[in-house]
Amino acid sequence: MNRILKYYLDTLIHTGTFSVIDADGKLETWGDGTGEPLVVRFNTRAAERAVALNPSLKFGEVYMNGGTDVVEGTMYDVLALIFRNAGNHVTSRPWMRAIERMRRVARGIVQYNTPRRARSNVKHHYDLSSQLYDLFLDEDRQYSCAYFERPDATLEEAQIAKKRHIAAKLRLDRDDLRVLDIGCGWGGMGLYLARNLSANVVGVTLSDEQLAIARQRAEEAGLADRAEFRLQDYRKTEGPFDRIVSVGMFEHVGVGFYDAYFSHCSKILKDDGVMLLHTIGRYDRPGNTNSFIQKYIFPGGYIPALSEVMAAAERSGLIVSDVEVLRIHYAETLKHWRERFLARREEAKALYDERFCRMWEFYLAASESAFRWQNLVVFQLQFTKHLDALPITRGYMSAEEDRLRQLDETGAENVTKLRGREAAE
């Protein structure tokens, strides 16, 4: 076995039962013998060398390209064992820290998300076949952290709960408020606000696929007069708006554009307006996005520390009026996505190929592991422009959430009854 790789595993794996079959067919085992045995096989010496020198990037890359296989257990099991052993110190070896330092120096270039580059980055991920996302997302195509009010909630229930949780924080206390949805995805959040809260929504996206589906959904729901979806960069959107919501988009802004992002939001938000930002974040100091995820899944993406977000928001003149940290919710969301994807893996393979499926499998498994055992959480940050724009206690949030829950449950019952009648006919 490659000596650097062996040294790394010697110092990393202390619990569990982890075995590696090297390119020469020799098996070595690490851990304390607990848990289900996991076995990874390297198919070439080049694969061993690559992972030894840069595991953050190369383990996923080598797996994606067939240089290694999991022969006992699953990729999620392997990554879970590694992350549990490593904690927040996966890149603890000196040469790995050096790589991460260089990546941080270069992040201004990697995250230089001008409008043209931002559109290219979005197309890389979100303009994949819409059939792919049908394989693992909920019916509303929510591609962001769900909100699990109960441990046994279904993905559909948790995604509806997420939408009403956000809607309650926006405090849409009268009809016809004008709402901007930055990074509207396939339209689910905007349609929820237009349907349930009589909002006039403008949703902006840089994805052609998302735009087409969002517009189609608005027409089919009879909400096209209240939910307008545009192919537009947020920097080009003109106000004013009573409310601004952004769910799962801020991760694509890039550190160098945080000031521009918040300054523009402040400019187009009315003086008595409310903004709700829902974003993945890290609970510790600033760092780097996982190199595999950055290269293959979300180019130009970055997961911020709260300190980075708040500094830019403060400079914009916005006032932070509420902060909530969602812990473990995204791990549970990703578990649902991962299991659904694997259950329909052959369909994904028919859309793309085996290499793509391995890439997607690694992405979902690594992401879930990071939210369970590393430093990732989700921030929900509420902003206003004046101290008296909202009630001074949080009671209005829970009251509105309860009201919307009843509305959601009534709507679900009506849909079930309607489907039952249609089936009978």
Protein backbone atom coordinates (compact mmCIF):
# COMPACT_ATOMS: atom_id res chain seq x y z
CA MET A 1 0.00 0.00 0.00
CA ASN A 2 1.06 3.56 -0.64
CA ARG A 3 3.04 4.60 2.45
CA ILE A 4 1.47 8.05 2.75
CA LEU A 5 -2.02 6.57 2.53
CA LYS A 6 -1.15 3.98 5.18
CA TYR A 7 0.23 6.67 7.50
CA TYR A 8 -2.91 8.74 7.03
CA LEU A 9 -5.18 5.79 7.87
CA ASP A 10 -3.00 4.82 10.84
CA THR A 11 -3.55 8.23 12.40
CA LEU A 12 -7.18 8.72 11.31
CA ILE A 13 -9.14 5.53 11.97
CA HIS A 14 -9.46 4.61 15.65
CA THR A 15 -13.04 3.31 15.93
CA GLY A 16 -15.04 0.98 13.72
CA THR A 17 -13.74 -1.73 11.40
CA PHE A 18 -12.27 -0.36 8.20
CA SER A 19 -10.30 -2.45 5.71
CA VAL A 20 -8.53 -1.54 2.51
CA ILE A 21 -7.52 -3.88 -0.28
CA ASP A 22 -4.64 -2.24 -2.11
CA ALA A 23 -3.85 -2.42 -5.81
CA ASP A 24 -1.69 -5.52 -5.18
CA GLY A 25 -4.55 -7.37 -3.49
CA LYS A 26 -3.21 -7.04 0.07
CA LEU A 27 -5.78 -6.35 2.82
CA GLU A 28 -5.11 -4.22 5.92
CA THR A 29 -7.59 -3.30 8.66
CA TRP A 30 -7.92 -0.31 11.02
CA GLY A 31 -10.14 0.51 13.99
CA ASP A 32 -11.19 -1.14 17.22
CA GLY A 33 -13.25 -3.92 15.66
CA THR A 34 -16.64 -2.39 16.45
CA GLY A 35 -19.54 -1.95 14.05
CA GLU A 36 -20.17 -3.48 10.67
CA PRO A 37 -17.00 -4.23 8.70
CA LEU A 38 -16.36 -1.89 5.77
CA VAL A 39 -14.02 -2.73 2.91
CA VAL A 40 -12.71 -0.44 0.16
CA ARG A 41 -10.67 -1.76 -2.76
CA PHE A 42 -8.21 0.31 -4.80
CA ASN A 43 -8.02 -0.85 -8.38
CA THR A 44 -4.81 0.98 -9.36
CA ARG A 45 -1.70 2.30 -7.64
CA ALA A 46 -2.37 5.67 -9.27
CA ALA A 47 -5.68 5.80 -7.39
CA GLU A 48 -3.88 5.09 -4.10
CA ARG A 49 -1.33 7.86 -4.74
CA ALA A 50 -4.01 10.38 -5.67
CA VAL A 51 -6.09 9.78 -2.54
CA ALA A 52 -2.99 9.79 -0.32
CA LEU A 53 -1.94 13.25 -1.48
CA ASN A 54 -5.32 14.99 -1.69
CA PRO A 55 -8.16 12.93 -0.15
CA SER A 56 -10.62 15.84 -0.02
CA LEU A 57 -10.73 15.97 -3.81
CA LYS A 58 -9.37 12.66 -5.00
CA PHE A 59 -11.34 10.11 -2.96
CA GLY A 60 -14.57 11.19 -4.62
CA GLU A 61 -12.90 11.68 -7.97
CA VAL A 62 -11.24 8.26 -7.93
CA TYR A 63 -14.51 6.60 -6.85
CA MET A 64 -16.40 8.43 -9.59
CA ASN A 65 -13.93 7.22 -12.22
CA GLY A 66 -13.84 3.59 -11.06
CA GLY A 67 -10.40 3.68 -9.42
CA THR A 68 -11.84 2.40 -6.16
CA ASP A 69 -14.89 0.40 -5.09
CA VAL A 70 -16.74 -0.19 -1.85
CA VAL A 71 -16.95 -3.98 -1.62
CA GLU A 72 -18.49 -4.23 1.87
CA GLY A 73 -20.90 -1.57 3.10
CA THR A 74 -21.85 1.55 1.16
CA MET A 75 -20.10 4.79 0.29
CA TYR A 76 -22.23 6.52 2.90
CA ASP A 77 -21.08 4.00 5.53
CA VAL A 78 -17.45 4.64 4.59
CA LEU A 79 -17.75 8.42 4.69
CA ALA A 80 -19.71 8.30 7.95
CA LEU A 81 -16.91 6.26 9.55
CA ILE A 82 -14.23 8.64 8.26
CA PHE A 83 -16.10 11.77 9.36
CA ARG A 84 -16.91 10.36 12.80
CA ASN A 85 -13.26 9.53 13.35
CA ALA A 86 -11.98 12.82 11.99
CA GLY A 87 -14.53 15.25 13.42
CA ASN A 88 -13.64 18.68 12.05
CA HIS A 89 -10.07 17.65 11.30
CA VAL A 90 -10.30 15.70 8.04
CA THR A 91 -7.50 17.86 6.63
CA SER A 92 -5.26 17.53 9.67
CA ARG A 93 -2.07 16.42 7.91
CA PRO A 94 0.46 19.19 7.11
CA TRP A 95 0.35 18.74 3.34
CA MET A 96 -3.46 18.77 3.41
CA ARG A 97 -3.49 21.99 5.41
CA ALA A 98 -1.11 23.50 2.87
CA ILE A 99 -3.51 22.58 0.05
CA GLU A 100 -6.41 24.15 1.94
CA ARG A 101 -4.42 27.34 2.56
CA MET A 102 -3.70 27.65 -1.14
CA ARG A 103 -7.35 27.06 -1.93
CA ARG A 104 -8.37 29.80 0.46
CA VAL A 105 -5.93 32.24 -1.13
CA ALA A 106 -7.42 31.40 -4.53
CA ARG A 107 -11.06 31.53 -3.50
CA GLY A 108 -11.47 35.11 -4.74
CA ILE A 109 -10.79 33.78 -8.25
CA VAL A 110 -12.84 30.59 -7.86
CA GLN A 111 -15.81 32.56 -6.48
CA TYR A 112 -15.58 35.46 -8.90
CA ASN A 113 -19.27 35.15 -9.69
CA THR A 114 -19.96 37.92 -12.16
CA PRO A 115 -23.42 37.75 -13.77
CA ARG A 116 -22.06 35.82 -16.74
CA ARG A 117 -20.07 33.39 -14.62
CA ALA A 118 -22.92 32.98 -12.14
CA ARG A 119 -25.22 31.90 -14.97
CA SER A 120 -22.65 29.38 -16.19
CA ASN A 121 -22.30 27.94 -12.69
CA VAL A 122 -26.05 27.64 -12.27
CA LYS A 123 -26.48 25.92 -15.62
CA HIS A 124 -23.81 23.37 -14.65
CA HIS A 125 -26.00 22.00 -11.88
CA TYR A 126 -29.58 23.21 -12.20
CA ASP A 127 -29.97 22.72 -15.95
CA LEU A 128 -29.47 18.99 -15.65
CA SER A 129 -32.42 16.93 -16.83
CA SER A 130 -35.59 17.73 -14.91
CA GLN A 131 -36.20 13.98 -14.82
CA LEU A 132 -33.13 13.59 -12.60
CA TYR A 133 -34.60 15.80 -9.89
CA ASP A 134 -37.92 13.96 -10.13
CA LEU A 135 -36.07 10.85 -8.93
CA PHE A 136 -35.29 12.12 -5.45
CA LEU A 137 -36.93 15.46 -4.62
CA ASP A 138 -40.38 15.88 -3.08
CA GLU A 139 -43.40 16.63 -5.25
CA ASP A 140 -42.84 20.39 -4.94
CA ARG A 141 -39.18 20.11 -6.02
CA GLN A 142 -37.77 21.74 -2.91
CA TYR A 143 -33.99 21.49 -3.33
CA SER A 144 -33.02 22.93 0.05
CA CYS A 145 -33.08 21.97 3.71
CA ALA A 146 -36.45 20.71 4.94
CA TYR A 147 -37.84 21.39 8.41
CA PHE A 148 -38.63 18.26 10.43
CA GLU A 149 -41.27 19.15 13.01
CA ARG A 150 -41.45 15.44 13.91
CA PRO A 151 -38.73 12.78 13.65
CA ASP A 152 -41.06 10.57 11.60
CA ALA A 153 -42.14 13.30 9.18
CA THR A 154 -42.05 12.40 5.50
CA LEU A 155 -39.92 14.46 3.14
CA GLU A 156 -43.08 16.01 1.70
CA GLU A 157 -44.33 16.98 5.16
CA ALA A 158 -40.96 18.44 6.14
CA GLN A 159 -40.69 20.51 2.98
CA ILE A 160 -44.17 21.97 3.47
CA ALA A 161 -43.18 22.73 7.07
CA LYS A 162 -40.08 24.55 5.78
CA LYS A 163 -42.18 26.77 3.53
CA ARG A 164 -44.63 27.77 6.25
CA HIS A 165 -41.78 28.28 8.74
CA ILE A 166 -40.24 30.79 6.32
CA ALA A 167 -43.60 32.34 5.42
CA ALA A 168 -44.34 32.97 9.11
CA LYS A 169 -41.05 34.83 9.50
CA LEU A 170 -41.83 37.02 6.50
CA ARG A 171 -45.03 38.19 8.25
CA LEU A 172 -47.21 38.66 5.21
CA ASP A 173 -49.87 40.40 7.29
CA ARG A 174 -51.92 41.80 4.42
CA ASP A 175 -52.85 40.84 0.88
CA ASP A 176 -51.02 41.91 -2.25
CA LEU A 177 -47.62 42.45 -0.68
CA ARG A 178 -44.91 42.42 -3.33
CA VAL A 179 -42.37 39.65 -2.67
CA LEU A 180 -39.04 38.99 -4.39
CA ASP A 181 -37.86 35.37 -4.35
CA ILE A 182 -34.12 35.40 -5.14
CA GLY A 183 -33.12 32.03 -6.57
CA CYS A 184 -36.69 30.80 -6.93
CA GLY A 185 -35.81 27.32 -8.13
CA TRP A 186 -38.77 25.49 -9.66
CA GLY A 187 -41.17 27.97 -8.11
CA GLY A 188 -42.35 26.10 -5.02
CA MET A 189 -41.75 28.83 -2.43
CA GLY A 190 -43.16 31.59 -4.59
CA LEU A 191 -46.26 29.60 -5.47
CA TYR A 192 -46.82 28.82 -1.78
CA LEU A 193 -46.74 32.53 -0.91
CA ALA A 194 -48.98 33.47 -3.84
CA ARG A 195 -51.53 30.74 -3.13
CA ASN A 196 -51.68 30.77 0.68
CA LEU A 197 -50.88 34.38 1.48
CA SER A 198 -52.16 36.26 -1.58
CA ALA A 199 -48.71 37.69 -2.27
CA ASN A 200 -47.60 39.12 -5.59
CA VAL A 201 -44.37 37.24 -6.20
CA VAL A 202 -41.49 37.91 -8.55
CA GLY A 203 -39.15 34.92 -8.68
CA VAL A 204 -35.74 35.17 -10.35
CA THR A 205 -33.48 32.32 -11.44
CA LEU A 206 -30.55 31.81 -13.82
CA SER A 207 -31.64 28.31 -14.82
CA ASP A 208 -33.58 27.78 -18.07
CA GLU A 209 -34.92 24.44 -16.84
CA GLN A 210 -36.15 25.88 -13.56
CA LEU A 211 -37.72 28.89 -15.27
CA ALA A 212 -39.71 26.79 -17.72
CA ILE A 213 -41.08 24.52 -15.01
CA ALA A 214 -41.86 27.39 -12.60
CA ARG A 215 -43.84 29.22 -15.29
CA GLN A 216 -45.67 26.06 -16.28
CA ARG A 217 -46.58 25.35 -12.65
CA ALA A 218 -47.87 28.90 -12.17
CA GLU A 219 -50.11 28.55 -15.23
CA GLU A 220 -51.42 25.14 -14.17
CA ALA A 221 -52.17 26.42 -10.66
CA GLY A 222 -54.01 29.47 -11.98
CA LEU A 223 -51.47 31.73 -10.25
CA ALA A 224 -49.70 33.28 -13.22
CA ASP A 225 -51.21 36.65 -12.35
CA ARG A 226 -49.66 36.50 -8.86
CA ALA A 227 -46.43 34.59 -9.48
CA GLU A 228 -44.14 35.94 -12.18
CA PHE A 229 -40.91 34.07 -12.85
CA ARG A 230 -37.97 35.62 -14.67
CA LEU A 231 -34.59 34.58 -16.04
CA GLN A 232 -32.73 37.36 -14.28
CA ASP A 233 -29.69 38.00 -12.10
CA TYR A 234 -30.68 39.35 -8.69
CA ARG A 235 -28.38 42.32 -9.30
CA LYS A 236 -30.59 43.40 -12.20
CA THR A 237 -33.88 43.19 -10.29
CA GLU A 238 -35.56 46.52 -9.60
CA GLY A 239 -37.75 47.23 -6.58
CA PRO A 240 -39.30 48.22 -4.42
CA PHE A 241 -40.45 45.06 -2.62
CA ASP A 242 -42.33 44.63 0.65
CA ARG A 243 -40.60 41.33 1.32
CA ILE A 244 -37.50 39.52 0.06
CA VAL A 245 -36.94 35.80 0.51
CA SER A 246 -33.96 33.75 -0.61
CA VAL A 247 -33.74 30.02 0.03
CA GLY A 248 -30.63 28.02 -0.83
CA MET A 249 -29.22 30.64 -3.20
CA PHE A 250 -26.77 32.60 -1.05
CA GLU A 251 -24.30 29.69 -1.23
CA HIS A 252 -23.77 30.67 -4.90
CA VAL A 253 -23.07 34.38 -4.33
CA GLY A 254 -19.35 34.17 -3.48
CA VAL A 255 -17.57 35.96 -0.63
CA GLY A 256 -16.40 38.79 -2.84
CA PHE A 257 -19.99 39.68 -3.71
CA TYR A 258 -21.57 39.64 -0.23
CA ASP A 259 -21.47 43.43 0.04
CA ALA A 260 -23.08 43.82 -3.37
CA TYR A 261 -25.75 41.25 -2.49
CA PHE A 262 -26.85 42.88 0.76
CA SER A 263 -26.50 46.42 -0.56
CA HIS A 264 -28.81 45.62 -3.45
CA CYS A 265 -31.32 43.87 -1.18
CA SER A 266 -31.30 46.90 1.12
CA LYS A 267 -31.81 49.22 -1.83
CA ILE A 268 -34.88 47.42 -3.21
CA LEU A 269 -36.50 46.56 0.15
CA LYS A 270 -39.10 49.06 1.37
CA ASP A 271 -38.45 50.93 4.60
CA ASP A 272 -41.01 48.80 6.46
CA GLY A 273 -39.99 45.62 4.64
CA VAL A 274 -38.74 42.25 5.86
CA MET A 275 -36.10 39.95 4.37
CA LEU A 276 -35.57 36.27 5.16
CA LEU A 277 -32.32 34.57 4.14
CA HIS A 278 -32.10 30.77 4.36
CA THR A 279 -28.58 29.52 3.68
CA ILE A 280 -26.19 26.71 4.49
CA GLY A 281 -23.47 27.90 6.83
CA ARG A 282 -20.59 26.74 8.96
CA TYR A 283 -20.83 27.17 12.72
CA ASP A 284 -17.11 27.84 13.14
CA ARG A 285 -14.65 30.17 11.44
CA PRO A 286 -14.44 30.81 7.68
CA GLY A 287 -12.98 27.99 5.61
CA ASN A 288 -13.17 26.29 2.22
CA THR A 289 -15.90 24.46 0.36
CA ASN A 290 -15.14 20.76 -0.05
CA SER A 291 -12.94 20.56 -3.15
CA PHE A 292 -14.88 17.68 -4.77
CA ILE A 293 -18.19 19.49 -4.33
CA GLN A 294 -16.70 22.71 -5.65
CA LYS A 295 -15.18 21.11 -8.73
CA TYR A 296 -17.94 18.73 -9.79
CA ILE A 297 -21.21 19.77 -8.15
CA PHE A 298 -21.39 23.49 -7.32
CA PRO A 299 -18.65 25.45 -9.11
CA GLY A 300 -18.25 28.92 -7.64
CA GLY A 301 -20.09 27.89 -4.48
CA TYR A 302 -19.10 28.71 -0.92
CA ILE A 303 -20.56 27.93 2.50
CA PRO A 304 -20.10 30.99 4.75
CA ALA A 305 -19.42 31.40 8.43
CA LEU A 306 -22.00 33.52 10.23
CA SER A 307 -19.34 36.17 10.83
CA GLU A 308 -18.86 36.61 7.08
CA VAL A 309 -22.58 37.03 6.45
CA MET A 310 -23.19 39.42 9.32
CA ALA A 311 -20.27 41.70 8.49
CA ALA A 312 -21.60 42.30 4.98
CA ALA A 313 -25.20 42.69 6.18
CA GLU A 314 -24.11 45.28 8.75
CA ARG A 315 -22.33 47.32 6.10
CA SER A 316 -25.53 47.38 4.00
CA GLY A 317 -27.57 49.06 6.71
CA LEU A 318 -29.89 46.09 7.22
CA ILE A 319 -30.77 45.22 10.81
CA VAL A 320 -30.69 41.58 11.86
CA SER A 321 -33.97 40.97 13.69
CA ASP A 322 -33.92 37.20 14.17
CA VAL A 323 -31.42 34.36 13.85
CA GLU A 324 -32.23 30.65 13.89
CA VAL A 325 -29.80 27.78 13.40
CA LEU A 326 -31.26 24.56 11.98
CA ARG A 327 -29.15 21.64 13.16
CA ILE A 328 -29.38 18.11 11.70
CA HIS A 329 -32.40 19.07 9.57
CA TYR A 330 -30.28 19.09 6.41
CA ALA A 331 -28.68 15.75 7.31
CA GLU A 332 -32.18 14.26 7.50
CA THR A 333 -33.16 15.94 4.23
CA LEU A 334 -30.09 14.54 2.49
CA LYS A 335 -30.79 11.09 3.91
CA HIS A 336 -34.17 11.12 2.17
CA TRP A 337 -32.61 12.35 -1.08
CA ARG A 338 -29.81 9.78 -0.93
CA GLU A 339 -32.14 6.87 -0.27
CA ARG A 340 -34.55 7.96 -2.99
CA PHE A 341 -31.74 8.41 -5.49
CA LEU A 342 -30.27 4.98 -4.76
CA ALA A 343 -33.70 3.37 -5.02
CA ARG A 344 -33.98 4.76 -8.57
CA ARG A 345 -30.31 4.62 -9.49
CA GLU A 346 -30.90 2.65 -12.68
CA GLU A 347 -33.18 5.38 -13.97
CA ALA A 348 -30.48 7.96 -13.28
CA LYS A 349 -27.99 5.75 -15.10
CA ALA A 350 -30.32 5.61 -18.11
CA LEU A 351 -30.44 9.41 -18.13
CA TYR A 352 -26.66 9.78 -17.81
CA ASP A 353 -24.16 6.98 -17.08
CA GLU A 354 -22.43 5.01 -14.32
CA ARG A 355 -19.82 7.71 -13.74
CA PHE A 356 -22.54 10.29 -13.15
CA CYS A 357 -24.33 8.00 -10.71
CA ARG A 358 -21.13 7.46 -8.73
CA MET A 359 -20.52 11.21 -8.66
CA TRP A 360 -24.06 11.90 -7.42
CA GLU A 361 -23.92 9.10 -4.88
CA PHE A 362 -20.68 10.48 -3.44
CA TYR A 363 -22.05 14.04 -3.38
CA LEU A 364 -25.18 13.08 -1.45
CA ALA A 365 -23.32 10.77 0.96
CA ALA A 366 -20.55 13.29 1.65
CA SER A 367 -23.03 16.11 2.16
CA GLU A 368 -25.15 14.14 4.61
CA SER A 369 -22.04 13.09 6.54
CA ALA A 370 -20.81 16.69 6.73
CA PHE A 371 -24.11 17.88 8.21
CA ARG A 372 -24.09 15.07 10.76
CA TRP A 373 -20.47 15.04 11.90
CA GLN A 374 -18.74 18.16 10.69
CA ASN A 375 -19.37 21.89 10.96
CA LEU A 376 -22.35 22.50 8.66
CA VAL A 377 -25.74 23.87 9.69
CA VAL A 378 -28.43 26.06 8.13
CA PHE A 379 -28.96 29.69 9.07
CA GLN A 380 -32.31 31.45 8.81
CA LEU A 381 -31.61 35.16 9.14
CA GLN A 382 -34.33 37.78 9.26
CA PHE A 383 -33.56 41.40 8.41
CA THR A 384 -35.44 44.68 8.53
CA LYS A 385 -34.55 48.33 7.90
CA HIS A 386 -36.19 49.70 11.04
CA LEU A 387 -36.40 48.42 14.61
CA ASP A 388 -40.20 48.71 14.72
CA ALA A 389 -40.91 46.93 11.43
CA LEU A 390 -41.96 43.76 13.32
CA PRO A 391 -43.55 42.94 16.69
CA ILE A 392 -40.99 42.93 19.50
CA THR A 393 -41.69 39.30 20.50
CA ARG A 394 -41.61 36.16 18.35
CA GLY A 395 -45.20 35.17 19.11
CA TYR A 396 -46.41 36.32 15.70
CA MET A 397 -44.20 33.65 14.08
CA SER A 398 -45.69 30.69 15.97
CA ALA A 399 -49.25 32.04 15.61
CA GLU A 400 -48.88 32.40 11.85
CA GLU A 401 -47.18 29.01 11.57
CA ASP A 402 -50.12 27.39 13.39
CA ARG A 403 -52.57 29.13 11.06
CA LEU A 404 -50.68 28.04 7.96
CA ARG A 405 -50.39 24.48 9.29
CA GLN A 406 -54.17 24.24 9.50
CA LEU A 407 -54.43 25.67 5.99
CA ASP A 408 -51.86 23.19 4.66
CA GLU A 409 -53.60 20.23 6.30
CA THR A 410 -56.99 21.31 4.97
CA GLY A 411 -55.51 21.71 1.52
CA ALA A 412 -53.91 18.25 1.68
CA GLU A 413 -57.22 16.72 2.74
CA ASN A 414 -59.00 18.41 -0.17
CA VAL A 415 -56.39 17.16 -2.63
CA THR A 416 -56.75 13.61 -1.27
CA LYS A 417 -60.53 13.74 -1.58
CA LEU A 418 -60.28 15.15 -5.12
CA ARG A 419 -57.88 12.40 -6.18
CA GLY A 420 -60.22 9.83 -4.64
CA ARG A 421 -63.18 11.14 -6.64
CA GLU A 422 -61.12 11.18 -9.84
CA ALA A 423 -60.01 7.59 -9.27
CA ALA A 424 -63.62 6.50 -8.65
CA GLU A 425 -64.76 8.13 -11.88
